[in-house]
PDB file of all heavy atoms in Angstrom:
ATOM      1  N   PHE A   1       9.461   0.339   6.809  1.00  0.00           N
ATOM      2  CA  PHE A   1      10.652   0.978   7.378  1.00  0.00           C
ATOM      3  C   PHE A   1      11.954   0.331   6.940  1.00  0.00           C
ATOM      4  O   PHE A   1      13.055   0.849   7.384  1.00  0.00           O
ATOM      5  CB  PHE A   1      10.521   0.923   8.888  1.00  0.00           C
ATOM      6  CG  PHE A   1       9.273   1.540   9.472  1.00  0.00           C
ATOM      7  CD1 PHE A   1       8.174   0.696   9.807  1.00  0.00           C
ATOM      8  CD2 PHE A   1       9.124   2.829   9.579  1.00  0.00           C
ATOM      9  CE1 PHE A   1       7.011   1.284  10.330  1.00  0.00           C
ATOM     10  CE2 PHE A   1       7.975   3.433  10.065  1.00  0.00           C
ATOM     11  CZ  PHE A   1       6.923   2.683  10.511  1.00  0.00           C
ATOM     12  N   THR A   2      11.880  -0.772   6.227  1.00  0.00           N
ATOM     13  CA  THR A   2      13.112  -1.477   5.935  1.00  0.00           C
ATOM     14  C   THR A   2      13.528  -1.382   4.385  1.00  0.00           C
ATOM     15  O   THR A   2      14.554  -1.905   4.043  1.00  0.00           O
ATOM     16  CB  THR A   2      13.006  -2.949   6.241  1.00  0.00           C
ATOM     17  OG1 THR A   2      11.947  -3.506   5.548  1.00  0.00           O
ATOM     18  CG2 THR A   2      12.752  -3.115   7.711  1.00  0.00           C
ATOM     19  N   VAL A   3      12.706  -0.766   3.544  1.00  0.00           N
ATOM     20  CA  VAL A   3      12.973  -0.754   2.166  1.00  0.00           C
ATOM     21  C   VAL A   3      14.164   0.054   1.859  1.00  0.00           C
ATOM     22  O   VAL A   3      14.360   1.146   2.486  1.00  0.00           O
ATOM     23  CB  VAL A   3      11.754  -0.269   1.385  1.00  0.00           C
ATOM     24  CG1 VAL A   3      11.460   1.200   1.630  1.00  0.00           C
ATOM     25  CG2 VAL A   3      11.975  -0.388  -0.141  1.00  0.00           C
ATOM     26  N   ASN A   4      15.078  -0.373   1.023  1.00  0.00           N
ATOM     27  CA  ASN A   4      16.291   0.310   0.595  1.00  0.00           C
ATOM     28  C   ASN A   4      16.079   1.151  -0.648  1.00  0.00           C
ATOM     29  O   ASN A   4      15.087   0.925  -1.387  1.00  0.00           O
ATOM     30  CB  ASN A   4      17.456  -0.609   0.493  1.00  0.00           C
ATOM     31  CG  ASN A   4      17.777  -1.295   1.754  1.00  0.00           C
ATOM     32  OD1 ASN A   4      17.725  -0.687   2.796  1.00  0.00           O
ATOM     33  ND2 ASN A   4      18.027  -2.623   1.668  1.00  0.00           N
ATOM     34  N   GLY A   5      17.006   2.082  -0.965  1.00  0.00           N
ATOM     35  CA  GLY A   5      16.911   2.849  -2.231  1.00  0.00           C
ATOM     36  C   GLY A   5      15.897   3.934  -2.117  1.00  0.00           C
ATOM     37  O   GLY A   5      15.646   4.564  -1.065  1.00  0.00           O
ATOM     38  N   PHE A   6      15.305   4.198  -3.277  1.00  0.00           N
ATOM     39  CA  PHE A   6      14.325   5.261  -3.339  1.00  0.00           C
ATOM     40  C   PHE A   6      12.836   4.826  -3.296  1.00  0.00           C
ATOM     41  O   PHE A   6      11.909   5.561  -3.622  1.00  0.00           O
ATOM     42  CB  PHE A   6      14.514   6.120  -4.669  1.00  0.00           C
ATOM     43  CG  PHE A   6      15.840   6.747  -4.697  1.00  0.00           C
ATOM     44  CD1 PHE A   6      16.951   6.267  -5.306  1.00  0.00           C
ATOM     45  CD2 PHE A   6      15.996   8.031  -4.050  1.00  0.00           C
ATOM     46  CE1 PHE A   6      18.159   6.928  -5.342  1.00  0.00           C
ATOM     47  CE2 PHE A   6      17.189   8.696  -4.059  1.00  0.00           C
ATOM     48  CZ  PHE A   6      18.326   8.191  -4.766  1.00  0.00           C
ATOM     49  N   GLY A   7      12.611   3.572  -2.982  1.00  0.00           N
ATOM     50  CA  GLY A   7      11.265   3.091  -2.792  1.00  0.00           C
ATOM     51  C   GLY A   7      10.639   2.901  -4.181  1.00  0.00           C
ATOM     52  O   GLY A   7       9.353   3.148  -4.332  1.00  0.00           O
ATOM     53  N   ILE A   8      11.325   2.546  -5.217  1.00  0.00           N
ATOM     54  CA  ILE A   8      10.786   2.336  -6.575  1.00  0.00           C
ATOM     55  C   ILE A   8      10.206   0.969  -6.669  1.00  0.00           C
ATOM     56  O   ILE A   8      10.818  -0.020  -6.357  1.00  0.00           O
ATOM     57  CB  ILE A   8      11.864   2.525  -7.618  1.00  0.00           C
ATOM     58  CG1 ILE A   8      12.525   3.900  -7.493  1.00  0.00           C
ATOM     59  CG2 ILE A   8      11.239   2.312  -9.035  1.00  0.00           C
ATOM     60  CD1 ILE A   8      13.690   4.113  -8.456  1.00  0.00           C
ATOM     61  N   PRO A   9       8.835   0.887  -7.022  1.00  0.00           N
ATOM     62  CA  PRO A   9       8.193  -0.427  -7.135  1.00  0.00           C
ATOM     63  C   PRO A   9       8.937  -1.326  -8.150  1.00  0.00           C
ATOM     64  O   PRO A   9       9.458  -0.861  -9.187  1.00  0.00           O
ATOM     65  CB  PRO A   9       6.780  -0.077  -7.524  1.00  0.00           C
ATOM     66  CG  PRO A   9       6.591   1.335  -7.190  1.00  0.00           C
ATOM     67  CD  PRO A   9       7.911   1.953  -7.257  1.00  0.00           C
ATOM     68  N   TRP A  10       8.888  -2.619  -7.901  1.00  0.00           N
ATOM     69  CA  TRP A  10       9.503  -3.695  -8.744  1.00  0.00           C
ATOM     70  C   TRP A  10      11.098  -3.593  -8.772  1.00  0.00           C
ATOM     71  O   TRP A  10      11.689  -4.427  -9.355  1.00  0.00           O
ATOM     72  CB  TRP A  10       8.989  -3.657 -10.084  1.00  0.00           C
ATOM     73  CG  TRP A  10       7.565  -4.102 -10.176  1.00  0.00           C
ATOM     74  CD1 TRP A  10       7.033  -5.362 -10.120  1.00  0.00           C
ATOM     75  CD2 TRP A  10       6.444  -3.204 -10.439  1.00  0.00           C
ATOM     76  NE1 TRP A  10       5.712  -5.383 -10.240  1.00  0.00           N
ATOM     77  CE2 TRP A  10       5.311  -4.116 -10.432  1.00  0.00           C
ATOM     78  CE3 TRP A  10       6.269  -1.889 -10.671  1.00  0.00           C
ATOM     79  CZ2 TRP A  10       4.037  -3.642 -10.661  1.00  0.00           C
ATOM     80  CZ3 TRP A  10       4.978  -1.388 -10.820  1.00  0.00           C
ATOM     81  CH2 TRP A  10       3.887  -2.253 -10.858  1.00  0.00           C
ATOM     82  N   ILE A  11      11.677  -2.550  -8.145  1.00  0.00           N
ATOM     83  CA  ILE A  11      13.105  -2.501  -8.095  1.00  0.00           C
ATOM     84  C   ILE A  11      13.507  -2.630  -6.665  1.00  0.00           C
ATOM     85  O   ILE A  11      14.411  -3.454  -6.279  1.00  0.00           O
ATOM     86  CB  ILE A  11      13.586  -1.166  -8.671  1.00  0.00           C
ATOM     87  CG1 ILE A  11      13.258  -1.158 -10.228  1.00  0.00           C
ATOM     88  CG2 ILE A  11      15.128  -1.032  -8.454  1.00  0.00           C
ATOM     89  CD1 ILE A  11      13.669   0.151 -10.875  1.00  0.00           C
ATOM     90  N   ASP A  12      12.951  -1.827  -5.752  1.00  0.00           N
ATOM     91  CA  ASP A  12      13.352  -1.803  -4.293  1.00  0.00           C
ATOM     92  C   ASP A  12      12.370  -2.729  -3.540  1.00  0.00           C
ATOM     93  O   ASP A  12      12.708  -3.095  -2.392  1.00  0.00           O
ATOM     94  CB  ASP A  12      13.279  -0.387  -3.751  1.00  0.00           C
ATOM     95  CG  ASP A  12      14.327   0.476  -4.413  1.00  0.00           C
ATOM     96  OD1 ASP A  12      15.469  -0.038  -4.749  1.00  0.00           O
ATOM     97  OD2 ASP A  12      14.066   1.622  -4.587  1.00  0.00           O
ATOM     98  N   PHE A  13      11.213  -3.014  -4.007  1.00  0.00           N
ATOM     99  CA  PHE A  13      10.282  -3.875  -3.314  1.00  0.00           C
ATOM    100  C   PHE A  13       9.208  -4.378  -4.285  1.00  0.00           C
ATOM    101  O   PHE A  13       9.111  -3.834  -5.409  1.00  0.00           O
ATOM    102  CB  PHE A  13       9.568  -3.100  -2.080  1.00  0.00           C
ATOM    103  CG  PHE A  13       8.658  -2.032  -2.621  1.00  0.00           C
ATOM    104  CD1 PHE A  13       7.310  -2.204  -2.719  1.00  0.00           C
ATOM    105  CD2 PHE A  13       9.174  -0.745  -2.831  1.00  0.00           C
ATOM    106  CE1 PHE A  13       6.442  -1.237  -3.151  1.00  0.00           C
ATOM    107  CE2 PHE A  13       8.329   0.224  -3.273  1.00  0.00           C
ATOM    108  CZ  PHE A  13       6.934  -0.008  -3.409  1.00  0.00           C
ATOM    109  N   THR A  14       8.472  -5.358  -3.893  1.00  0.00           N
ATOM    110  CA  THR A  14       7.393  -5.932  -4.701  1.00  0.00           C
ATOM    111  C   THR A  14       6.097  -5.289  -4.287  1.00  0.00           C
ATOM    112  O   THR A  14       5.651  -5.438  -3.139  1.00  0.00           O
ATOM    113  CB  THR A  14       7.315  -7.455  -4.524  1.00  0.00           C
ATOM    114  OG1 THR A  14       8.556  -8.077  -4.871  1.00  0.00           O
ATOM    115  CG2 THR A  14       6.220  -8.057  -5.368  1.00  0.00           C
ATOM    116  N   PRO A  15       5.510  -4.533  -5.196  1.00  0.00           N
ATOM    117  CA  PRO A  15       4.242  -3.797  -4.690  1.00  0.00           C
ATOM    118  C   PRO A  15       3.093  -4.710  -4.523  1.00  0.00           C
ATOM    119  O   PRO A  15       3.013  -5.780  -5.108  1.00  0.00           O
ATOM    120  CB  PRO A  15       3.976  -2.842  -5.971  1.00  0.00           C
ATOM    121  CG  PRO A  15       4.631  -3.571  -7.158  1.00  0.00           C
ATOM    122  CD  PRO A  15       5.865  -4.287  -6.508  1.00  0.00           C
ATOM    123  N   THR A  16       2.157  -4.281  -3.684  1.00  0.00           N
ATOM    124  CA  THR A  16       0.951  -4.993  -3.455  1.00  0.00           C
ATOM    125  C   THR A  16      -0.255  -4.058  -3.242  1.00  0.00           C
ATOM    126  O   THR A  16      -0.021  -2.864  -2.798  1.00  0.00           O
ATOM    127  CB  THR A  16       1.122  -5.885  -2.218  1.00  0.00           C
ATOM    128  OG1 THR A  16      -0.130  -6.517  -1.946  1.00  0.00           O
ATOM    129  CG2 THR A  16       1.439  -4.997  -1.022  1.00  0.00           C
ATOM    130  N   LEU A  17      -1.420  -4.453  -3.547  1.00  0.00           N
ATOM    131  CA  LEU A  17      -2.606  -3.618  -3.403  1.00  0.00           C
ATOM    132  C   LEU A  17      -3.386  -4.016  -2.124  1.00  0.00           C
ATOM    133  O   LEU A  17      -4.512  -3.603  -1.982  1.00  0.00           O
ATOM    134  CB  LEU A  17      -3.511  -3.823  -4.629  1.00  0.00           C
ATOM    135  CG  LEU A  17      -2.971  -3.204  -5.973  1.00  0.00           C
ATOM    136  CD1 LEU A  17      -3.960  -3.530  -7.077  1.00  0.00           C
ATOM    137  CD2 LEU A  17      -2.721  -1.732  -5.831  1.00  0.00           C
ATOM    138  N   ASP A  18      -2.759  -4.836  -1.296  1.00  0.00           N
ATOM    139  CA  ASP A  18      -3.483  -5.245  -0.021  1.00  0.00           C
ATOM    140  C   ASP A  18      -3.911  -4.090   0.768  1.00  0.00           C
ATOM    141  O   ASP A  18      -5.017  -4.060   1.388  1.00  0.00           O
ATOM    142  CB  ASP A  18      -2.623  -6.212   0.726  1.00  0.00           C
ATOM    143  CG  ASP A  18      -2.414  -7.514   0.016  1.00  0.00           C
ATOM    144  OD1 ASP A  18      -3.219  -7.857  -0.934  1.00  0.00           O
ATOM    145  OD2 ASP A  18      -1.467  -8.294   0.324  1.00  0.00           O
ATOM    146  N   ASN A  19      -3.065  -3.092   0.960  1.00  0.00           N
ATOM    147  CA  ASN A  19      -3.380  -1.926   1.722  1.00  0.00           C
ATOM    148  C   ASN A  19      -4.561  -1.136   1.170  1.00  0.00           C
ATOM    149  O   ASN A  19      -5.417  -0.681   1.959  1.00  0.00           O
ATOM    150  CB  ASN A  19      -2.157  -0.964   1.788  1.00  0.00           C
ATOM    151  CG  ASN A  19      -0.937  -1.646   2.432  1.00  0.00           C
ATOM    152  OD1 ASN A  19      -1.098  -2.492   3.298  1.00  0.00           O
ATOM    153  ND2 ASN A  19       0.232  -1.166   2.035  1.00  0.00           N
ATOM    154  N   TRP A  20      -4.633  -1.021  -0.132  1.00  0.00           N
ATOM    155  CA  TRP A  20      -5.738  -0.316  -0.770  1.00  0.00           C
ATOM    156  C   TRP A  20      -7.086  -1.148  -0.551  1.00  0.00           C
ATOM    157  O   TRP A  20      -8.114  -0.603  -0.257  1.00  0.00           O
ATOM    158  CB  TRP A  20      -5.469  -0.173  -2.271  1.00  0.00           C
ATOM    159  CG  TRP A  20      -4.527   0.957  -2.579  1.00  0.00           C
ATOM    160  CD1 TRP A  20      -3.174   0.907  -2.458  1.00  0.00           C
ATOM    161  CD2 TRP A  20      -4.844   2.276  -2.903  1.00  0.00           C
ATOM    162  NE1 TRP A  20      -2.593   2.032  -2.903  1.00  0.00           N
ATOM    163  CE2 TRP A  20      -3.635   2.939  -3.095  1.00  0.00           C
ATOM    164  CE3 TRP A  20      -6.013   3.010  -3.116  1.00  0.00           C
ATOM    165  CZ2 TRP A  20      -3.491   4.288  -3.435  1.00  0.00           C
ATOM    166  CZ3 TRP A  20      -5.978   4.268  -3.474  1.00  0.00           C
ATOM    167  CH2 TRP A  20      -4.675   5.008  -3.649  1.00  0.00           C
ATOM    168  N   VAL A  21      -6.947  -2.396  -0.693  1.00  0.00           N
ATOM    169  CA  VAL A  21      -8.177  -3.259  -0.636  1.00  0.00           C
ATOM    170  C   VAL A  21      -8.612  -3.160   0.899  1.00  0.00           C
ATOM    171  O   VAL A  21      -9.871  -3.040   1.145  1.00  0.00           O
ATOM    172  CB  VAL A  21      -7.835  -4.694  -1.020  1.00  0.00           C
ATOM    173  CG1 VAL A  21      -9.023  -5.636  -0.709  1.00  0.00           C
ATOM    174  CG2 VAL A  21      -7.544  -4.804  -2.483  1.00  0.00           C
ATOM    175  N   ASP A  22      -7.752  -3.273   1.819  1.00  0.00           N
ATOM    176  CA  ASP A  22      -8.080  -3.206   3.230  1.00  0.00           C
ATOM    177  C   ASP A  22      -8.803  -1.921   3.532  1.00  0.00           C
ATOM    178  O   ASP A  22      -9.823  -1.900   4.263  1.00  0.00           O
ATOM    179  CB  ASP A  22      -6.892  -3.375   4.079  1.00  0.00           C
ATOM    180  CG  ASP A  22      -6.310  -4.858   3.997  1.00  0.00           C
ATOM    181  OD1 ASP A  22      -7.032  -5.713   3.555  1.00  0.00           O
ATOM    182  OD2 ASP A  22      -5.143  -4.963   4.431  1.00  0.00           O
ATOM    183  N   GLN A  23      -8.310  -0.818   3.066  1.00  0.00           N
ATOM    184  CA  GLN A  23      -8.831   0.474   3.379  1.00  0.00           C
ATOM    185  C   GLN A  23     -10.168   0.784   2.666  1.00  0.00           C
ATOM    186  O   GLN A  23     -11.113   1.295   3.310  1.00  0.00           O
ATOM    187  CB  GLN A  23      -7.834   1.653   3.034  1.00  0.00           C
ATOM    188  CG  GLN A  23      -6.755   1.787   4.046  1.00  0.00           C
ATOM    189  CD  GLN A  23      -7.264   2.084   5.397  1.00  0.00           C
ATOM    190  OE1 GLN A  23      -7.860   3.171   5.657  1.00  0.00           O
ATOM    191  NE2 GLN A  23      -7.122   1.200   6.392  1.00  0.00           N
ATOM    192  N   LEU A  24     -10.343   0.343   1.438  1.00  0.00           N
ATOM    193  CA  LEU A  24     -11.524   0.555   0.752  1.00  0.00           C
ATOM    194  C   LEU A  24     -12.703  -0.357   1.235  1.00  0.00           C
ATOM    195  O   LEU A  24     -13.861  -0.099   1.048  1.00  0.00           O
ATOM    196  CB  LEU A  24     -11.345   0.305  -0.757  1.00  0.00           C
ATOM    197  CG  LEU A  24     -10.405   1.324  -1.456  1.00  0.00           C
ATOM    198  CD1 LEU A  24     -10.249   0.967  -2.955  1.00  0.00           C
ATOM    199  CD2 LEU A  24     -11.022   2.738  -1.310  1.00  0.00           C
ATOM    200  N   GLU A  25     -12.339  -1.378   1.951  1.00  0.00           N
ATOM    201  CA  GLU A  25     -13.325  -2.252   2.614  1.00  0.00           C
ATOM    202  C   GLU A  25     -13.802  -1.737   4.004  1.00  0.00           C
ATOM    203  O   GLU A  25     -14.743  -2.273   4.538  1.00  0.00           O
ATOM    204  CB  GLU A  25     -12.735  -3.699   2.799  1.00  0.00           C
ATOM    205  CG  GLU A  25     -12.654  -4.351   1.447  1.00  0.00           C
ATOM    206  CD  GLU A  25     -12.121  -5.815   1.623  1.00  0.00           C
ATOM    207  OE1 GLU A  25     -11.625  -6.149   2.751  1.00  0.00           O
ATOM    208  OE2 GLU A  25     -12.104  -6.613   0.642  1.00  0.00           O
ATOM    209  N   VAL A  26     -13.070  -0.715   4.486  1.00  0.00           N
ATOM    210  CA  VAL A  26     -13.353  -0.163   5.799  1.00  0.00           C
ATOM    211  C   VAL A  26     -14.608   0.790   5.627  1.00  0.00           C
ATOM    212  O   VAL A  26     -14.470   1.679   4.846  1.00  0.00           O
ATOM    213  CB  VAL A  26     -12.152   0.570   6.451  1.00  0.00           C
ATOM    214  CG1 VAL A  26     -12.596   1.293   7.698  1.00  0.00           C
ATOM    215  CG2 VAL A  26     -11.040  -0.393   6.732  1.00  0.00           C
ATOM    216  N   PRO A  27     -15.662   0.613   6.359  1.00  0.00           N
ATOM    217  CA  PRO A  27     -16.823   1.486   6.171  1.00  0.00           C
ATOM    218  C   PRO A  27     -16.491   2.982   6.460  1.00  0.00           C
ATOM    219  O   PRO A  27     -17.095   3.867   5.804  1.00  0.00           O
ATOM    220  CB  PRO A  27     -17.836   0.898   7.126  1.00  0.00           C
ATOM    221  CG  PRO A  27     -17.485  -0.453   7.351  1.00  0.00           C
ATOM    222  CD  PRO A  27     -15.966  -0.516   7.304  1.00  0.00           C
ATOM    223  N   GLU A  28     -15.623   3.223   7.447  1.00  0.00           N
ATOM    224  CA  GLU A  28     -15.304   4.614   7.834  1.00  0.00           C
ATOM    225  C   GLU A  28     -14.591   5.314   6.690  1.00  0.00           C
ATOM    226  O   GLU A  28     -14.795   6.517   6.459  1.00  0.00           O
ATOM    227  CB  GLU A  28     -14.406   4.579   9.069  1.00  0.00           C
ATOM    228  CG  GLU A  28     -15.135   4.226  10.364  1.00  0.00           C
ATOM    229  CD  GLU A  28     -15.310   2.696  10.506  1.00  0.00           C
ATOM    230  OE1 GLU A  28     -14.711   1.963   9.597  1.00  0.00           O
ATOM    231  OE2 GLU A  28     -15.955   2.235  11.504  1.00  0.00           O
ATOM    232  N   THR A  29     -13.770   4.584   5.896  1.00  0.00           N
ATOM    233  CA  THR A  29     -13.113   5.198   4.766  1.00  0.00           C
ATOM    234  C   THR A  29     -14.072   5.671   3.637  1.00  0.00           C
ATOM    235  O   THR A  29     -14.052   6.781   3.154  1.00  0.00           O
ATOM    236  CB  THR A  29     -12.044   4.256   4.213  1.00  0.00           C
ATOM    237  OG1 THR A  29     -11.019   4.009   5.180  1.00  0.00           O
ATOM    238  CG2 THR A  29     -11.331   4.976   3.026  1.00  0.00           C
ATOM    239  N   ARG A  30     -14.991   4.728   3.360  1.00  0.00           N
ATOM    240  CA  ARG A  30     -16.031   5.028   2.299  1.00  0.00           C
ATOM    241  C   ARG A  30     -16.954   6.166   2.808  1.00  0.00           C
ATOM    242  O   ARG A  30     -17.262   7.056   2.038  1.00  0.00           O
ATOM    243  CB  ARG A  30     -16.801   3.813   2.031  1.00  0.00           C
ATOM    244  CG  ARG A  30     -15.964   2.630   1.390  1.00  0.00           C
ATOM    245  CD  ARG A  30     -16.915   1.656   0.642  1.00  0.00           C
ATOM    246  NE  ARG A  30     -17.734   1.031   1.622  1.00  0.00           N
ATOM    247  CZ  ARG A  30     -17.504  -0.099   2.283  1.00  0.00           C
ATOM    248  NH1 ARG A  30     -16.365  -0.720   2.131  1.00  0.00           N
ATOM    249  NH2 ARG A  30     -18.411  -0.595   3.187  1.00  0.00           N
ATOM    250  N   ARG A  31     -17.201   6.168   4.057  1.00  0.00           N
ATOM    251  CA  ARG A  31     -18.182   7.231   4.584  1.00  0.00           C
ATOM    252  C   ARG A  31     -17.431   8.599   4.605  1.00  0.00           C
ATOM    253  O   ARG A  31     -18.027   9.624   4.285  1.00  0.00           O
ATOM    254  CB  ARG A  31     -18.566   6.888   6.023  1.00  0.00           C
ATOM    255  CG  ARG A  31     -19.588   7.907   6.594  1.00  0.00           C
ATOM    256  CD  ARG A  31     -19.733   7.694   8.101  1.00  0.00           C
ATOM    257  NE  ARG A  31     -20.126   6.286   8.308  1.00  0.00           N
ATOM    258  CZ  ARG A  31     -19.843   5.640   9.478  1.00  0.00           C
ATOM    259  NH1 ARG A  31     -19.045   6.267  10.410  1.00  0.00           N
ATOM    260  NH2 ARG A  31     -20.211   4.424   9.699  1.00  0.00           N
ATOM    261  N   ALA A  32     -16.125   8.542   5.013  1.00  0.00           N
ATOM    262  CA  ALA A  32     -15.387   9.829   4.970  1.00  0.00           C
ATOM    263  C   ALA A  32     -15.240  10.342   3.550  1.00  0.00           C
ATOM    264  O   ALA A  32     -15.351  11.606   3.347  1.00  0.00           O
ATOM    265  CB  ALA A  32     -13.938   9.627   5.557  1.00  0.00           C
TER     266      ALA A  32
END
């Protein structure tokens, strides 16, 4: 909610894959 600009990775913020890793490790996501 605090990122400025157009949300461009490496310009407006430092991207991370933590959200993807967290969700792919959730059994409900894989089952869905």
